């Protein structure tokens, strides 16, 4: 199975490279050096072409097309989206800067009121691109609400790519070469199709398969579990540990969806559960939801699952706070399957009373070959367990050298700071990078 995913990854990476660099390859084939400007002019266009191709491909990456994301996992795709978008930003920004260096007469175009319409569109695209990047990178510092940002981020990104494509066609530079003109027409068509699919077709599919809340249950640790069932008796088959985007109070046509791990067993997909901690404006509304209320589910997504590693001989789970939810799905699934592979669960919490699923974990422990190690930051009196945060010493005491062998897979979910630290501790204990799998909280 690993080989299959790696092959898919290699194919998608090759296709990505092909989409990004094909415009330059076609340009080079029909290349005629500039005779009246410096070579920087040609370099400027090359950077602009690559940058625009990168931006256009981002719409495919974020379209939630499952068969594209499955080999990598959504968290990795979104992380890559962020990094490559910054690279595209600098490439596009290099386009006008190199033009100004090549010929100072281009500085006259900075007057947007007198510049030709083709140049105005290019300037508008760059200005909106700067706004898009700043708002994305500094959203939390600027205290921009996620739903508001997400809505305008999509509009800004769409306007940037659309204006840039029209800028290319109106400017006409190098488009005398028909293969290049055809190529940009194809890119424009792909952009429009993906946009229509993401904004209209896919939400329409979701709205025809809505779910309703069948129960709401308060958990320890200021968390709530909601159970959902399809109104059309459709079954959402998922791998234990995966997540879904859910929309409540509104329809899928509104950009008001939020990602949450599925906490129920994959062996009972007729009714799915999400356990959500009260951490903000949206999560605070969970306890106010009503039985029978409509919920739209976009999933499953993610590569964080034991089912991707069926040949693992030992399983290590490391959770921090509400990061237990995808791991709980794995434990429940193992119990329903009768999976008796040796497993260890390290679960860090603030105190004993805030341990979500505490009672059920103790019950599941009796059904599996599972050892549970709680670490408490504020332990009760006469506490005999581990205290403080996760340390390498705690890992070593409960795993030893034998568990760091090739047959062990580690699944970790919790606050980003915790995972960064524990990952280093695991590596120091002899675990390989390929053995450590984690789910990121900061998809958004």
Protein backbone atom coordinates (compact mmCIF):
# COMPACT_ATOMS: atom_id res chain seq x y z
CA UNK A 1 0.00 0.00 0.00
CA UNK A 2 2.85 2.37 0.77
CA UNK A 3 4.35 1.74 -2.65
CA UNK A 4 0.99 2.56 -4.24
CA UNK A 5 0.77 5.91 -2.41
CA UNK A 6 4.36 6.74 -3.27
CA UNK A 7 3.71 6.02 -6.92
CA UNK A 8 0.66 8.27 -6.86
CA UNK A 9 2.68 10.98 -5.14
CA UNK A 10 5.39 10.76 -7.80
CA UNK A 11 2.82 11.00 -10.60
CA UNK A 12 1.07 14.05 -9.09
CA UNK A 13 4.39 15.79 -8.44
CA UNK A 14 5.41 15.16 -12.06
CA UNK A 15 2.08 16.57 -13.28
CA UNK A 16 2.48 19.63 -11.05
CA UNK A 17 5.95 20.32 -12.47
CA UNK A 18 4.59 19.83 -15.99
CA UNK A 19 1.75 22.32 -15.46
CA UNK A 20 4.03 24.94 -13.93
CA UNK A 21 6.90 24.79 -16.41
CA UNK A 22 5.12 23.97 -19.66
CA UNK A 23 4.57 27.69 -20.53
CA UNK A 24 8.32 28.30 -20.27
CA UNK A 25 9.13 25.14 -22.24
CA UNK A 26 6.78 26.21 -25.05
CA UNK A 27 8.24 29.71 -24.93
CA UNK A 28 11.80 28.39 -25.28
CA UNK A 29 10.85 26.20 -28.25
CA UNK A 30 9.51 29.19 -30.15
CA UNK A 31 11.92 31.68 -28.58
CA UNK A 32 13.11 34.75 -30.45
CA UNK A 33 15.52 36.88 -28.39
CA UNK A 34 14.47 40.47 -27.76
CA UNK A 35 16.27 42.81 -30.12
CA UNK A 36 15.28 46.15 -28.66
CA UNK A 37 15.39 45.49 -24.90
CA UNK A 38 17.78 43.94 -22.43
CA UNK A 39 17.68 40.21 -21.68
CA UNK A 40 16.07 41.18 -18.36
CA UNK A 41 12.89 41.73 -20.34
CA UNK A 42 12.77 38.06 -21.29
CA UNK A 43 13.63 37.03 -17.74
CA UNK A 44 10.80 39.25 -16.49
CA UNK A 45 8.27 37.47 -18.69
CA UNK A 46 9.62 34.06 -17.68
CA UNK A 47 9.18 34.84 -13.98
CA UNK A 48 5.70 36.19 -14.64
CA UNK A 49 4.67 33.08 -16.58
CA UNK A 50 5.94 30.68 -13.90
CA UNK A 51 4.39 32.73 -11.10
CA UNK A 52 0.99 32.87 -12.80
CA UNK A 53 1.08 29.13 -13.60
CA UNK A 54 1.83 28.44 -9.93
CA UNK A 55 -1.11 30.60 -8.82
CA UNK A 56 -3.50 28.97 -11.27
CA UNK A 57 -2.52 25.48 -10.07
CA UNK A 58 -3.37 26.52 -6.49
CA UNK A 59 -7.05 26.37 -7.37
CA UNK A 60 -6.66 22.68 -8.19
CA UNK A 61 -4.77 22.01 -4.94
CA UNK A 62 -7.43 23.66 -2.78
CA UNK A 63 -10.46 22.28 -4.66
CA UNK A 64 -10.72 19.30 -2.25
CA UNK A 65 -10.55 16.78 -5.04
CA UNK A 66 -10.09 13.66 -2.92
CA UNK A 67 -8.15 11.55 -5.41
CA UNK A 68 -5.54 14.32 -5.67
CA UNK A 69 -5.15 14.88 -1.93
CA UNK A 70 -5.38 11.28 -0.73
CA UNK A 71 -1.74 10.28 -1.45
CA UNK A 72 -0.39 13.27 0.50
CA UNK A 73 -3.01 14.22 3.08
CA UNK A 74 -4.88 17.50 3.26
CA UNK A 75 -2.66 19.06 5.92
CA UNK A 76 0.44 18.55 3.76
CA UNK A 77 -1.37 19.91 0.70
CA UNK A 78 -2.45 23.06 2.54
CA UNK A 79 1.04 23.54 3.97
CA UNK A 80 2.48 23.19 0.46
CA UNK A 81 -0.18 25.59 -0.84
CA UNK A 82 0.96 28.23 1.63
CA UNK A 83 4.67 27.81 0.83
CA UNK A 84 4.30 27.66 -2.94
CA UNK A 85 1.94 30.66 -2.92
CA UNK A 86 4.67 32.73 -1.29
CA UNK A 87 7.10 31.56 -3.98
CA UNK A 88 4.58 32.52 -6.69
CA UNK A 89 4.16 35.92 -5.04
CA UNK A 90 7.86 36.74 -5.32
CA UNK A 91 8.06 35.41 -8.89
CA UNK A 92 5.14 37.60 -9.98
CA UNK A 93 6.59 40.59 -8.11
CA UNK A 94 9.89 40.08 -9.94
CA UNK A 95 8.06 40.54 -13.26
CA UNK A 96 7.51 44.36 -13.03
CA UNK A 97 10.71 44.95 -11.05
CA UNK A 98 12.86 43.42 -13.81
CA UNK A 99 10.95 45.45 -16.40
CA UNK A 100 11.75 48.68 -14.54
CA UNK A 101 15.42 47.69 -14.40
CA UNK A 102 15.46 46.71 -18.08
CA UNK A 103 13.96 49.97 -19.25
CA UNK A 104 13.15 52.98 -17.05
CA UNK A 105 10.40 54.02 -19.47
CA UNK A 106 8.20 51.32 -17.92
CA UNK A 107 8.10 53.43 -14.75
CA UNK A 108 5.63 55.69 -16.57
CA UNK A 109 3.11 52.88 -16.37
CA UNK A 110 3.01 53.25 -12.59
CA UNK A 111 0.45 55.99 -13.17
CA UNK A 112 -2.60 53.75 -13.22
CA UNK A 113 -4.79 56.55 -14.60
CA UNK A 114 -2.80 56.95 -17.82
CA UNK A 115 -1.59 53.37 -18.28
CA UNK A 116 -3.22 51.19 -20.99
CA UNK A 117 -6.02 48.89 -19.83
CA UNK A 118 -3.78 45.83 -20.24
CA UNK A 119 -1.23 47.34 -17.85
CA UNK A 120 -3.93 48.45 -15.43
CA UNK A 121 -5.15 44.88 -15.11
CA UNK A 122 -1.61 43.70 -14.39
CA UNK A 123 -1.18 46.38 -11.72
CA UNK A 124 -4.54 45.53 -10.16
CA UNK A 125 -3.55 41.85 -10.09
CA UNK A 126 -0.26 42.62 -8.30
CA UNK A 127 -1.91 44.97 -5.80
CA UNK A 128 -4.59 42.41 -4.95
CA UNK A 129 -1.96 39.67 -4.75
CA UNK A 130 -0.05 41.68 -2.15
CA UNK A 131 -3.29 42.18 -0.22
CA UNK A 132 -4.06 38.45 -0.46
CA UNK A 133 -0.66 37.37 0.86
CA UNK A 134 -0.59 39.91 3.71
CA UNK A 135 -4.10 39.01 4.88
CA UNK A 136 -3.27 35.29 4.78
CA UNK A 137 0.08 35.55 6.57
CA UNK A 138 -1.05 38.00 9.23
CA UNK A 139 -4.72 37.08 9.62
CA UNK A 140 -4.45 36.29 13.31
CA UNK A 141 -2.31 39.32 14.12
CA UNK A 142 -4.73 41.53 12.23
CA UNK A 143 -7.58 39.82 14.12
CA UNK A 144 -9.50 39.01 10.94
CA UNK A 145 -12.27 36.48 11.59
CA UNK A 146 -11.68 33.20 9.74
CA UNK A 147 -15.04 33.08 7.92
CA UNK A 148 -14.66 36.69 6.74
CA UNK A 149 -11.09 36.07 5.62
CA UNK A 150 -11.90 32.81 3.85
CA UNK A 151 -14.70 34.41 1.84
CA UNK A 152 -12.57 37.35 0.67
CA UNK A 153 -9.45 35.22 0.21
CA UNK A 154 -11.29 33.21 -2.44
CA UNK A 155 -12.59 36.32 -4.18
CA UNK A 156 -9.21 38.05 -4.13
CA UNK A 157 -7.34 34.99 -5.41
CA UNK A 158 -9.87 34.50 -8.20
CA UNK A 159 -9.64 38.16 -9.22
CA UNK A 160 -5.84 38.07 -9.19
CA UNK A 161 -5.58 35.07 -11.53
CA UNK A 162 -8.41 36.29 -13.77
CA UNK A 163 -6.94 39.79 -14.13
CA UNK A 164 -3.46 38.37 -14.76
CA UNK A 165 -4.71 36.05 -17.51
CA UNK A 166 -6.55 38.89 -19.25
CA UNK A 167 -3.41 41.03 -18.84
CA UNK A 168 -1.40 38.39 -20.72
CA UNK A 169 -3.87 38.20 -23.61
CA UNK A 170 -4.29 41.97 -23.96
CA UNK A 171 -0.57 42.66 -23.74
CA UNK A 172 0.06 40.03 -26.37
CA UNK A 173 3.76 39.62 -25.61
CA UNK A 174 4.97 36.35 -27.16
CA UNK A 175 1.40 35.33 -27.91
CA UNK A 176 2.17 35.67 -31.60
CA UNK A 177 3.48 32.12 -31.08
CA UNK A 178 0.28 30.09 -31.52
CA UNK A 179 1.19 27.09 -29.28
CA UNK A 180 1.76 29.48 -26.37
CA UNK A 181 -1.53 31.26 -27.06
CA UNK A 182 -3.37 27.93 -27.15
CA UNK A 183 -1.66 26.85 -23.92
CA UNK A 184 -2.83 29.94 -22.01
CA UNK A 185 -6.33 29.42 -23.39
CA UNK A 186 -6.23 25.86 -22.00
CA UNK A 187 -5.01 27.16 -18.63
CA UNK A 188 -7.83 29.70 -18.61
CA UNK A 189 -10.37 26.98 -19.37
CA UNK A 190 -9.02 24.76 -16.55
CA UNK A 191 -9.16 27.73 -14.19
CA UNK A 192 -12.81 28.41 -15.06
CA UNK A 193 -13.84 24.73 -14.81
CA UNK A 194 -12.17 24.28 -11.39
CA UNK A 195 -13.75 27.54 -10.19
CA UNK A 196 -17.22 26.45 -11.31
CA UNK A 197 -16.76 23.02 -9.72
CA UNK A 198 -15.54 24.43 -6.40
CA UNK A 199 -18.05 27.26 -6.06
CA UNK A 200 -21.20 25.79 -7.61
CA UNK A 201 -21.15 22.10 -8.57
CA UNK A 202 -19.57 20.65 -5.41
CA UNK A 203 -21.71 22.69 -2.96
CA UNK A 204 -24.77 21.59 -4.96
CA UNK A 205 -23.77 17.94 -4.48
CA UNK A 206 -23.33 18.50 -0.74
CA UNK A 207 -26.67 20.24 -0.33
CA UNK A 208 -28.44 17.21 -1.80
CA UNK A 209 -26.85 14.92 0.79
CA UNK A 210 -27.35 16.75 4.05
CA UNK A 211 -27.02 15.20 7.49
CA UNK A 212 -29.05 15.79 10.63
CA UNK A 213 -27.96 15.77 14.25
CA UNK A 214 -29.25 12.67 16.04
CA UNK A 215 -27.70 13.37 19.46
CA UNK A 216 -25.59 15.89 21.36
CA UNK A 217 -23.51 14.81 24.33
CA UNK A 218 -21.28 16.81 26.65
CA UNK A 219 -17.82 15.34 27.22
CA UNK A 220 -15.08 16.10 29.69
CA UNK A 221 -12.68 18.92 28.83
CA UNK A 222 -15.32 21.45 27.67
CA UNK A 223 -16.08 19.34 24.61
CA UNK A 224 -19.27 18.20 22.91
CA UNK A 225 -19.96 15.18 20.72
CA UNK A 226 -22.52 15.48 17.95
CA UNK A 227 -23.75 12.40 16.08
CA UNK A 228 -24.93 12.77 12.49
CA UNK A 229 -26.91 10.63 10.10
CA UNK A 230 -27.52 11.14 6.38
CA UNK A 231 -31.06 12.15 5.48
CA UNK A 232 -30.76 10.02 2.33
CA UNK A 233 -29.35 6.95 4.12
CA UNK A 234 -26.00 7.37 2.40
CA UNK A 235 -22.98 5.96 4.19
CA UNK A 236 -19.80 8.00 4.59
CA UNK A 237 -17.06 5.40 4.40
CA UNK A 238 -13.91 6.73 6.03
CA UNK A 239 -10.61 5.56 7.43
CA UNK A 240 -10.16 5.88 11.21
CA UNK A 241 -8.38 9.17 11.89
CA UNK A 242 -9.70 11.11 8.90
CA UNK A 243 -11.56 14.42 9.16
CA UNK A 244 -14.35 16.29 7.39
CA UNK A 245 -15.41 19.89 6.83
CA UNK A 246 -18.81 20.62 8.33
CA UNK A 247 -21.20 23.51 7.69
CA UNK A 248 -23.93 24.37 10.19
CA UNK A 249 -26.60 27.09 10.30
CA UNK A 250 -25.90 27.91 6.62
CA UNK A 251 -25.70 26.13 3.24
CA UNK A 252 -22.50 24.84 1.58
CA UNK A 253 -22.63 27.85 -0.77
CA UNK A 254 -21.44 29.98 2.15
CA UNK A 255 -17.75 29.86 3.05
CA UNK A 256 -18.53 28.99 6.66
CA UNK A 257 -17.25 25.44 6.95
CA UNK A 258 -14.82 24.16 9.59
CA UNK A 259 -12.58 21.05 9.71
CA UNK A 260 -13.02 18.50 12.50
CA UNK A 261 -11.73 14.98 13.01
CA UNK A 262 -14.27 12.16 12.94
CA UNK A 263 -14.21 10.59 16.40
CA UNK A 264 -16.42 7.55 15.76
CA UNK A 265 -15.45 4.08 14.62
CA UNK A 266 -14.97 3.49 10.90
CA UNK A 267 -16.67 0.13 11.42
CA UNK A 268 -19.97 1.92 12.15
CA UNK A 269 -20.17 4.52 9.36
CA UNK A 270 -23.98 4.68 9.32
CA UNK A 271 -23.74 7.31 12.07
CA UNK A 272 -20.67 9.54 12.33
CA UNK A 273 -19.52 11.56 15.33
CA UNK A 274 -17.51 14.73 15.80
CA UNK A 275 -16.16 15.75 19.18
CA UNK A 276 -15.54 19.48 19.30
CA UNK A 277 -13.89 21.51 22.07
CA UNK A 278 -15.19 24.97 22.93
CA UNK A 279 -12.24 27.06 21.72
CA UNK A 280 -13.75 29.96 19.79
CA UNK A 281 -16.67 31.69 18.13
CA UNK A 282 -17.85 28.74 16.03
CA UNK A 283 -17.02 25.92 18.45
CA UNK A 284 -18.91 27.80 21.16
CA UNK A 285 -22.12 27.26 19.17
CA UNK A 286 -21.90 23.43 19.23
CA UNK A 287 -23.65 23.11 22.59
CA UNK A 288 -26.50 25.24 21.21
CA UNK A 289 -27.17 22.93 18.27
CA UNK A 290 -30.47 21.09 18.14
CA UNK A 291 -31.38 17.47 17.40
CA UNK A 292 -32.71 17.34 13.84
CA UNK A 293 -30.64 20.35 12.77
CA UNK A 294 -29.19 20.16 9.25
CA UNK A 295 -25.41 19.76 8.87
CA UNK A 296 -23.49 19.50 5.60
CA UNK A 297 -20.47 17.20 5.58
CA UNK A 298 -17.59 17.42 3.12
CA UNK A 299 -15.39 14.38 3.61
CA UNK A 300 -13.65 12.27 4.37
CA UNK A 301 -10.24 13.90 4.01
CA UNK A 302 -6.77 13.32 5.37
CA UNK A 303 -4.01 10.72 5.39
CA UNK A 304 -3.72 10.40 9.17
CA UNK A 305 -4.89 6.81 9.62
CA UNK A 306 -3.70 3.41 10.77
CA UNK A 307 -5.33 1.93 7.66
CA UNK A 308 -2.51 3.36 5.55
CA UNK A 309 -0.10 1.13 7.50
CA UNK A 310 -1.84 -2.26 7.77
CA UNK A 311 1.44 -4.12 8.27
CA UNK A 312 2.49 -2.17 11.38
CA UNK A 313 3.38 -4.54 14.21
CA UNK A 314 3.18 -1.97 17.04
CA UNK A 315 1.17 1.26 17.30
CA UNK A 316 2.02 4.32 19.37
CA UNK A 317 -0.55 7.08 19.89
CA UNK A 318 0.37 10.49 21.31
CA UNK A 319 -2.41 13.00 22.00
CA UNK A 320 -2.63 16.42 23.55
CA UNK A 321 -6.03 17.69 24.73
CA UNK A 322 -8.71 17.49 22.06
CA UNK A 323 -6.10 15.97 19.73
CA UNK A 324 -7.45 12.68 21.07
CA UNK A 325 -10.41 12.78 18.62
CA UNK A 326 -8.79 11.18 15.53
CA UNK A 327 -6.91 8.77 17.78
CA UNK A 328 -10.19 7.86 19.50
CA UNK A 329 -11.57 6.93 16.08
CA UNK A 330 -8.59 4.60 15.61
CA UNK A 331 -9.00 3.03 19.06
CA UNK A 332 -12.74 2.52 18.60
CA UNK A 333 -12.12 0.99 15.18
CA UNK A 334 -9.47 -1.36 16.59
CA UNK A 335 -11.88 -2.47 19.31
CA UNK A 336 -14.67 -3.15 16.80
CA UNK A 337 -12.25 -5.07 14.59
CA UNK A 338 -10.75 -7.09 17.44
CA UNK A 339 -7.31 -5.74 16.51
CA UNK A 340 -4.88 -7.06 19.15
CA UNK A 341 -1.68 -5.42 17.97
CA UNK A 342 0.32 -4.04 20.93
CA UNK A 343 -0.39 -0.32 21.37
CA UNK A 344 0.62 2.54 23.66
CA UNK A 345 -1.40 5.72 24.22
CA UNK A 346 0.34 8.79 25.67
CA UNK A 347 -2.31 11.36 26.55
CA UNK A 348 -1.35 14.79 27.89
CA UNK A 349 -3.93 16.98 29.65
CA UNK A 350 -4.13 19.88 32.04
CA UNK A 351 -5.77 17.90 34.88
CA UNK A 352 -7.59 14.64 35.63
CA UNK A 353 -11.09 16.01 35.18
CA UNK A 354 -10.37 17.45 31.70
CA UNK A 355 -9.42 14.11 30.10
CA UNK A 356 -11.89 13.74 27.25
CA UNK A 357 -13.19 10.13 26.79
CA UNK A 358 -11.51 9.12 30.07
CA UNK A 359 -14.07 6.49 31.03
CA UNK A 360 -14.39 5.04 27.53
CA UNK A 361 -10.61 4.81 27.15
CA UNK A 362 -10.49 2.69 30.30
CA UNK A 363 -13.18 0.42 28.84
CA UNK A 364 -11.44 0.12 25.47
CA UNK A 365 -8.18 -0.68 27.27
CA UNK A 366 -9.78 -3.92 28.45
CA UNK A 367 -10.61 -4.92 24.87
CA UNK A 368 -7.21 -4.20 23.34
CA UNK A 369 -3.55 -4.88 24.04
CA UNK A 370 -3.30 -1.24 25.09
CA UNK A 371 -1.29 0.56 27.75
CA UNK A 372 -2.43 4.12 28.55
CA UNK A 373 0.01 6.66 29.94
CA UNK A 374 -1.58 9.89 31.18
CA UNK A 375 0.58 12.96 31.72
CA UNK A 376 -1.03 15.73 33.75
CA UNK A 377 0.17 19.32 34.04
CA UNK A 378 -1.77 19.79 37.29
CA UNK A 379 -2.13 16.33 38.83
CA UNK A 380 -4.38 15.64 41.84
CA UNK A 381 -2.98 14.76 45.23
CA UNK A 382 -1.45 11.29 45.53
CA UNK A 383 -1.18 11.06 41.72
CA UNK A 384 1.15 8.18 40.86
CA UNK A 385 1.30 8.77 37.11
CA UNK A 386 3.42 11.02 34.91
CA UNK A 387 3.35 14.77 35.50
CA UNK A 388 4.10 17.85 33.43
CA UNK A 389 4.48 17.74 29.67
CA UNK A 390 5.65 14.88 27.46
CA UNK A 391 9.38 14.25 27.80
CA UNK A 392 11.88 11.93 26.19
CA UNK A 393 12.29 10.20 29.52
CA UNK A 394 8.57 9.34 29.63
CA UNK A 395 8.73 7.95 26.10
CA UNK A 396 11.83 5.91 26.90
CA UNK A 397 10.40 4.50 30.14
CA UNK A 398 7.26 3.19 28.43
CA UNK A 399 8.61 2.25 25.00
CA UNK A 400 12.25 1.37 25.43
CA UNK A 401 14.52 0.63 22.51
CA UNK A 402 12.44 -2.26 21.15
CA UNK A 403 9.51 -0.05 20.07
CA UNK A 404 11.72 2.13 17.90
CA UNK A 405 12.12 -0.70 15.45
CA UNK A 406 10.88 -0.70 11.87
CA UNK A 407 7.56 -2.38 12.70
CA UNK A 408 6.27 0.51 14.84
CA UNK A 409 4.15 3.41 13.54
CA UNK A 410 3.53 6.55 15.62
CA UNK A 411 0.36 8.68 15.34
CA UNK A 412 0.44 12.07 17.02
CA UNK A 413 -2.14 14.83 17.27
CA UNK A 414 -2.21 17.91 19.47
CA UNK A 415 -1.05 21.52 19.68
CA UNK A 416 1.64 22.36 17.13
CA UNK A 417 4.21 23.29 19.78
CA UNK A 418 3.74 19.94 21.53
CA UNK A 419 4.09 17.97 18.31
CA UNK A 420 7.27 19.79 17.29
CA UNK A 421 8.88 18.96 20.64
CA UNK A 422 7.71 15.35 20.82
CA UNK A 423 8.79 14.70 17.25
CA UNK A 424 12.37 15.64 18.20
CA UNK A 425 12.11 13.40 21.25
CA UNK A 426 10.95 10.47 19.13
CA UNK A 427 13.82 10.99 16.69
CA UNK A 428 16.24 11.05 19.62
CA UNK A 429 14.75 7.73 20.74
CA UNK A 430 15.59 6.19 17.38
CA UNK A 431 12.31 6.52 15.49
CA UNK A 432 12.65 7.31 11.80
CA UNK A 433 10.91 10.26 10.15
CA UNK A 434 8.83 7.83 8.07
CA UNK A 435 7.48 6.19 11.25
CA UNK A 436 6.03 9.43 12.67
CA UNK A 437 2.63 10.58 11.42
CA UNK A 438 0.74 13.59 12.68
CA UNK A 439 -2.36 15.64 12.10
CA UNK A 440 -2.06 19.42 12.07
CA UNK A 441 -4.55 21.61 13.92
CA UNK A 442 -3.71 24.69 11.85
CA UNK A 443 -5.20 23.75 8.49
CA UNK A 444 -6.92 27.11 8.54
